[in-house]
Amino acid sequence: MDSILEPWEKTVRITILGRLVEVPENNFLLRCLQYLLPDTVPYGRFCWNDECGNSEFRYLLPGDPTVRVERACRFVPVPDMEITEVSDQLRQVLAPLITP
């Protein structure tokens, strides 16, 4: 699995829809999600190159109330960020993580 990731030495803590997780630094969020859920994320309908829009999500940065929008295929997570909304496609592949 590590071969699909950019080199990393530590993890960063982020919150995804209320769930605290640790993901590899220096990697696009979609790859980080694949690290967390290798059995679902690779099978999502993602182009992996910022064309389809299926990996869109909304997030907050620490100490900033501004809701921002990005695509997981081109965004490197920021420590302590909070992902507040995800696309339908992301929600499907994240189900094992976010379903109580």
N, C-alpha and C. Protein backbone atom coordinates (compact mmCIF):
# COMPACT_ATOMS: atom_id res chain seq x y z
N MET A 1 0.83 -1.21 0.00
CA MET A 1 0.00 0.00 0.00
C MET A 1 0.86 1.25 0.00
N ASP A 2 1.95 1.25 0.75
CA ASP A 2 2.76 2.46 0.84
C ASP A 2 3.30 2.91 -0.51
N SER A 3 3.40 2.01 -1.48
CA SER A 3 3.97 2.37 -2.77
C SER A 3 3.10 3.38 -3.53
N ILE A 4 1.82 3.47 -3.22
CA ILE A 4 0.97 4.45 -3.89
C ILE A 4 1.05 5.82 -3.24
N LEU A 5 1.69 5.89 -2.07
CA LEU A 5 1.78 7.14 -1.33
C LEU A 5 3.08 7.87 -1.61
N GLU A 6 3.02 9.19 -1.50
CA GLU A 6 4.23 9.99 -1.54
C GLU A 6 5.01 9.69 -0.25
N PRO A 7 6.31 9.91 -0.25
CA PRO A 7 7.08 9.65 0.97
C PRO A 7 6.53 10.43 2.17
N TRP A 8 6.48 9.76 3.31
CA TRP A 8 6.00 10.40 4.53
C TRP A 8 6.69 9.79 5.73
N GLU A 9 6.79 10.59 6.79
CA GLU A 9 7.45 10.15 8.01
C GLU A 9 6.50 10.12 9.20
N LYS A 10 5.46 10.93 9.15
CA LYS A 10 4.54 10.98 10.28
C LYS A 10 3.12 11.15 9.76
N THR A 11 2.19 11.02 10.66
CA THR A 11 0.78 11.24 10.32
C THR A 11 0.33 12.59 10.85
N VAL A 12 -0.76 13.09 10.25
CA VAL A 12 -1.40 14.30 10.75
C VAL A 12 -2.82 13.95 11.16
N ARG A 13 -3.29 14.61 12.17
CA ARG A 13 -4.62 14.35 12.71
C ARG A 13 -5.62 15.28 12.02
N ILE A 14 -6.70 14.69 11.49
CA ILE A 14 -7.79 15.46 10.90
C ILE A 14 -9.11 14.84 11.37
N THR A 15 -10.18 15.60 11.20
CA THR A 15 -11.50 15.09 11.54
C THR A 15 -12.32 14.98 10.26
N ILE A 16 -12.92 13.82 10.05
CA ILE A 16 -13.75 13.58 8.87
C ILE A 16 -15.16 13.28 9.36
N LEU A 17 -16.07 14.21 9.11
CA LEU A 17 -17.47 14.04 9.49
C LEU A 17 -17.61 13.58 10.94
N GLY A 18 -16.87 14.25 11.82
CA GLY A 18 -16.94 13.97 13.24
C GLY A 18 -16.02 12.86 13.74
N ARG A 19 -15.32 12.18 12.86
CA ARG A 19 -14.44 11.06 13.23
C ARG A 19 -12.99 11.50 13.17
N LEU A 20 -12.27 11.42 14.26
CA LEU A 20 -10.86 11.79 14.32
C LEU A 20 -10.01 10.65 13.73
N VAL A 21 -9.14 10.99 12.77
CA VAL A 21 -8.28 9.99 12.13
C VAL A 21 -6.87 10.57 11.98
N GLU A 22 -5.94 9.68 11.71
CA GLU A 22 -4.56 10.09 11.42
C GLU A 22 -4.22 9.61 10.02
N VAL A 23 -3.69 10.52 9.21
CA VAL A 23 -3.37 10.21 7.82
C VAL A 23 -1.93 10.58 7.51
N PRO A 24 -1.32 9.95 6.51
CA PRO A 24 0.07 10.25 6.17
C PRO A 24 0.24 11.69 5.67
N GLU A 25 1.26 12.35 6.18
CA GLU A 25 1.57 13.71 5.72
C GLU A 25 2.00 13.69 4.25
N ASN A 26 1.98 14.85 3.62
CA ASN A 26 2.52 15.04 2.26
C ASN A 26 1.82 14.24 1.18
N ASN A 27 0.56 13.88 1.39
CA ASN A 27 -0.19 13.12 0.40
C ASN A 27 -1.54 13.78 0.15
N PHE A 28 -2.02 13.65 -1.08
CA PHE A 28 -3.35 14.17 -1.37
C PHE A 28 -4.37 13.44 -0.52
N LEU A 29 -5.43 14.14 -0.17
CA LEU A 29 -6.44 13.57 0.72
C LEU A 29 -7.03 12.26 0.17
N LEU A 30 -7.25 12.18 -1.12
CA LEU A 30 -7.83 10.96 -1.68
C LEU A 30 -6.90 9.75 -1.43
N ARG A 31 -5.60 9.94 -1.54
CA ARG A 31 -4.65 8.87 -1.22
C ARG A 31 -4.68 8.56 0.28
N CYS A 32 -4.83 9.60 1.11
CA CYS A 32 -4.94 9.39 2.56
C CYS A 32 -6.17 8.56 2.89
N LEU A 33 -7.25 8.84 2.20
CA LEU A 33 -8.47 8.06 2.42
C LEU A 33 -8.27 6.62 1.97
N GLN A 34 -7.53 6.44 0.89
CA GLN A 34 -7.22 5.09 0.42
C GLN A 34 -6.35 4.36 1.45
N TYR A 35 -5.46 5.09 2.11
CA TYR A 35 -4.65 4.52 3.19
C TYR A 35 -5.55 4.02 4.32
N LEU A 36 -6.57 4.80 4.67
CA LEU A 36 -7.49 4.43 5.74
C LEU A 36 -8.44 3.31 5.33
N LEU A 37 -8.90 3.34 4.09
CA LEU A 37 -9.92 2.40 3.62
C LEU A 37 -9.51 1.77 2.29
N PRO A 38 -8.50 0.90 2.32
CA PRO A 38 -7.99 0.34 1.07
C PRO A 38 -8.97 -0.58 0.34
N ASP A 39 -10.03 -1.00 1.02
CA ASP A 39 -10.99 -1.89 0.37
C ASP A 39 -12.17 -1.17 -0.26
N THR A 40 -12.30 0.14 -0.05
CA THR A 40 -13.43 0.85 -0.65
C THR A 40 -13.01 2.02 -1.55
N VAL A 41 -12.07 2.82 -1.12
CA VAL A 41 -11.72 4.04 -1.87
C VAL A 41 -11.25 3.75 -3.29
N PRO A 42 -10.39 2.74 -3.53
CA PRO A 42 -9.94 2.50 -4.90
C PRO A 42 -11.07 2.16 -5.87
N TYR A 43 -12.21 1.75 -5.34
CA TYR A 43 -13.32 1.35 -6.20
C TYR A 43 -14.37 2.44 -6.37
N GLY A 44 -14.09 3.62 -5.79
CA GLY A 44 -15.00 4.75 -5.99
C GLY A 44 -14.87 5.30 -7.40
N ARG A 45 -15.84 6.07 -7.80
CA ARG A 45 -15.83 6.66 -9.15
C ARG A 45 -15.09 7.99 -9.12
N PHE A 46 -13.76 7.91 -9.03
CA PHE A 46 -12.90 9.09 -9.00
C PHE A 46 -11.97 9.07 -10.19
N CYS A 47 -11.71 10.24 -10.75
CA CYS A 47 -10.78 10.33 -11.87
C CYS A 47 -9.34 10.46 -11.36
N TRP A 48 -9.16 10.88 -10.12
CA TRP A 48 -7.86 11.04 -9.46
C TRP A 48 -7.03 12.18 -10.03
N ASN A 49 -7.60 12.99 -10.93
CA ASN A 49 -6.81 14.08 -11.53
C ASN A 49 -7.58 15.39 -11.67
N ASP A 50 -8.55 15.63 -10.80
CA ASP A 50 -9.24 16.92 -10.71
C ASP A 50 -10.14 17.24 -11.90
N GLU A 51 -10.70 16.23 -12.53
CA GLU A 51 -11.59 16.49 -13.66
C GLU A 51 -13.05 16.18 -13.37
N CYS A 52 -13.33 15.15 -12.59
CA CYS A 52 -14.72 14.69 -12.46
C CYS A 52 -15.52 15.41 -11.37
N GLY A 53 -14.86 15.89 -10.33
CA GLY A 53 -15.57 16.55 -9.24
C GLY A 53 -16.16 15.62 -8.20
N ASN A 54 -16.00 14.32 -8.36
CA ASN A 54 -16.58 13.36 -7.42
C ASN A 54 -15.92 13.35 -6.05
N SER A 55 -14.76 13.99 -5.93
CA SER A 55 -14.07 13.99 -4.64
C SER A 55 -14.19 15.34 -3.91
N GLU A 56 -15.17 16.12 -4.28
CA GLU A 56 -15.33 17.44 -3.65
C GLU A 56 -15.74 17.30 -2.19
N PHE A 57 -15.20 18.19 -1.37
CA PHE A 57 -15.55 18.21 0.05
C PHE A 57 -15.46 19.64 0.58
N ARG A 58 -16.07 19.86 1.75
CA ARG A 58 -16.03 21.15 2.44
C ARG A 58 -15.30 20.95 3.76
N TYR A 59 -14.57 21.98 4.15
CA TYR A 59 -13.76 21.84 5.36
C TYR A 59 -13.53 23.18 6.06
N LEU A 60 -13.09 23.05 7.31
CA LEU A 60 -12.72 24.20 8.14
C LEU A 60 -11.28 24.03 8.57
N LEU A 61 -10.55 25.15 8.61
CA LEU A 61 -9.20 25.13 9.15
C LEU A 61 -9.25 25.54 10.62
N PRO A 62 -8.30 25.12 11.42
CA PRO A 62 -8.32 25.46 12.84
C PRO A 62 -8.36 26.98 13.05
N GLY A 63 -9.29 27.42 13.88
CA GLY A 63 -9.39 28.84 14.21
C GLY A 63 -9.98 29.72 13.13
N ASP A 64 -10.51 29.16 12.05
CA ASP A 64 -11.06 29.95 10.95
C ASP A 64 -12.47 29.45 10.64
N PRO A 65 -13.49 30.31 10.78
CA PRO A 65 -14.87 29.87 10.56
C PRO A 65 -15.27 29.78 9.07
N THR A 66 -14.36 30.13 8.17
CA THR A 66 -14.67 30.12 6.74
C THR A 66 -14.74 28.70 6.21
N VAL A 67 -15.88 28.32 5.64
CA VAL A 67 -16.02 27.01 5.02
C VAL A 67 -15.38 27.09 3.64
N ARG A 68 -14.50 26.17 3.38
CA ARG A 68 -13.77 26.12 2.10
C ARG A 68 -14.16 24.86 1.34
N VAL A 69 -13.99 24.90 0.01
CA VAL A 69 -14.33 23.77 -0.84
C VAL A 69 -13.09 23.37 -1.64
N GLU A 70 -12.83 22.07 -1.67
CA GLU A 70 -11.69 21.54 -2.43
C GLU A 70 -12.07 20.19 -3.01
N ARG A 71 -11.13 19.62 -3.73
CA ARG A 71 -11.27 18.25 -4.24
C ARG A 71 -10.17 17.40 -3.60
N ALA A 72 -10.55 16.24 -3.11
CA ALA A 72 -9.63 15.38 -2.37
C ALA A 72 -8.47 14.88 -3.23
N CYS A 73 -8.64 14.87 -4.53
CA CYS A 73 -7.59 14.38 -5.42
C CYS A 73 -6.45 15.39 -5.59
N ARG A 74 -6.65 16.61 -5.12
CA ARG A 74 -5.63 17.67 -5.30
C ARG A 74 -5.39 18.49 -4.04
N PHE A 75 -5.75 17.97 -2.89
CA PHE A 75 -5.62 18.72 -1.64
C PHE A 75 -4.84 17.91 -0.62
N VAL A 76 -3.80 18.50 -0.06
CA VAL A 76 -3.02 17.86 0.99
C VAL A 76 -3.59 18.30 2.34
N PRO A 77 -3.98 17.36 3.18
CA PRO A 77 -4.59 17.70 4.46
C PRO A 77 -3.70 18.59 5.35
N VAL A 78 -4.37 19.45 6.09
CA VAL A 78 -3.73 20.36 7.04
C VAL A 78 -4.00 19.81 8.44
N PRO A 79 -2.99 19.75 9.29
CA PRO A 79 -3.23 19.23 10.64
C PRO A 79 -4.40 19.93 11.33
N ASP A 80 -5.22 19.15 11.98
CA ASP A 80 -6.37 19.61 12.76
C ASP A 80 -7.50 20.21 11.94
N MET A 81 -7.48 20.02 10.63
CA MET A 81 -8.61 20.49 9.82
C MET A 81 -9.82 19.61 10.10
N GLU A 82 -10.99 20.13 9.75
CA GLU A 82 -12.23 19.38 9.94
C GLU A 82 -13.00 19.31 8.63
N ILE A 83 -13.20 18.12 8.13
CA ILE A 83 -14.00 17.93 6.92
C ILE A 83 -15.45 17.83 7.37
N THR A 84 -16.27 18.78 6.88
CA THR A 84 -17.65 18.90 7.36
C THR A 84 -18.69 18.33 6.42
N GLU A 85 -18.38 18.28 5.13
CA GLU A 85 -19.30 17.73 4.13
C GLU A 85 -18.48 17.05 3.05
N VAL A 86 -19.04 15.99 2.48
CA VAL A 86 -18.36 15.29 1.39
C VAL A 86 -19.37 15.00 0.27
N SER A 87 -18.85 14.79 -0.92
CA SER A 87 -19.69 14.42 -2.06
C SER A 87 -20.36 13.08 -1.80
N ASP A 88 -21.39 12.79 -2.57
CA ASP A 88 -22.08 11.50 -2.45
C ASP A 88 -21.11 10.34 -2.69
N GLN A 89 -20.22 10.48 -3.66
CA GLN A 89 -19.27 9.41 -3.97
C GLN A 89 -18.30 9.18 -2.81
N LEU A 90 -17.81 10.27 -2.21
CA LEU A 90 -16.95 10.12 -1.04
C LEU A 90 -17.71 9.49 0.13
N ARG A 91 -18.93 9.91 0.32
CA ARG A 91 -19.74 9.36 1.42
C ARG A 91 -19.88 7.83 1.26
N GLN A 92 -20.07 7.37 0.04
CA GLN A 92 -20.21 5.93 -0.20
C GLN A 92 -18.95 5.17 0.20
N VAL A 93 -17.79 5.66 -0.22
CA VAL A 93 -16.56 4.92 0.07
C VAL A 93 -16.10 5.11 1.52
N LEU A 94 -16.56 6.18 2.17
CA LEU A 94 -16.22 6.43 3.57
C LEU A 94 -17.16 5.75 4.55
N ALA A 95 -18.20 5.12 4.05
CA ALA A 95 -19.22 4.51 4.92
C ALA A 95 -18.64 3.66 6.05
N PRO A 96 -17.65 2.79 5.79
CA PRO A 96 -17.13 1.99 6.90
C PRO A 96 -16.48 2.83 8.01
N LEU A 97 -16.03 4.00 7.66
CA LEU A 97 -15.37 4.88 8.63
C LEU A 97 -16.38 5.73 9.40
N ILE A 98 -17.41 6.20 8.71
CA ILE A 98 -18.31 7.18 9.32
C ILE A 98 -19.62 6.60 9.84
N THR A 99 -19.91 5.35 9.50
CA THR A 99 -21.15 4.76 9.96
C THR A 99 -20.96 4.24 11.38
N PRO A 100 -21.84 4.69 12.30
CA PRO A 100 -21.69 4.25 13.70
C PRO A 100 -21.95 2.77 13.88
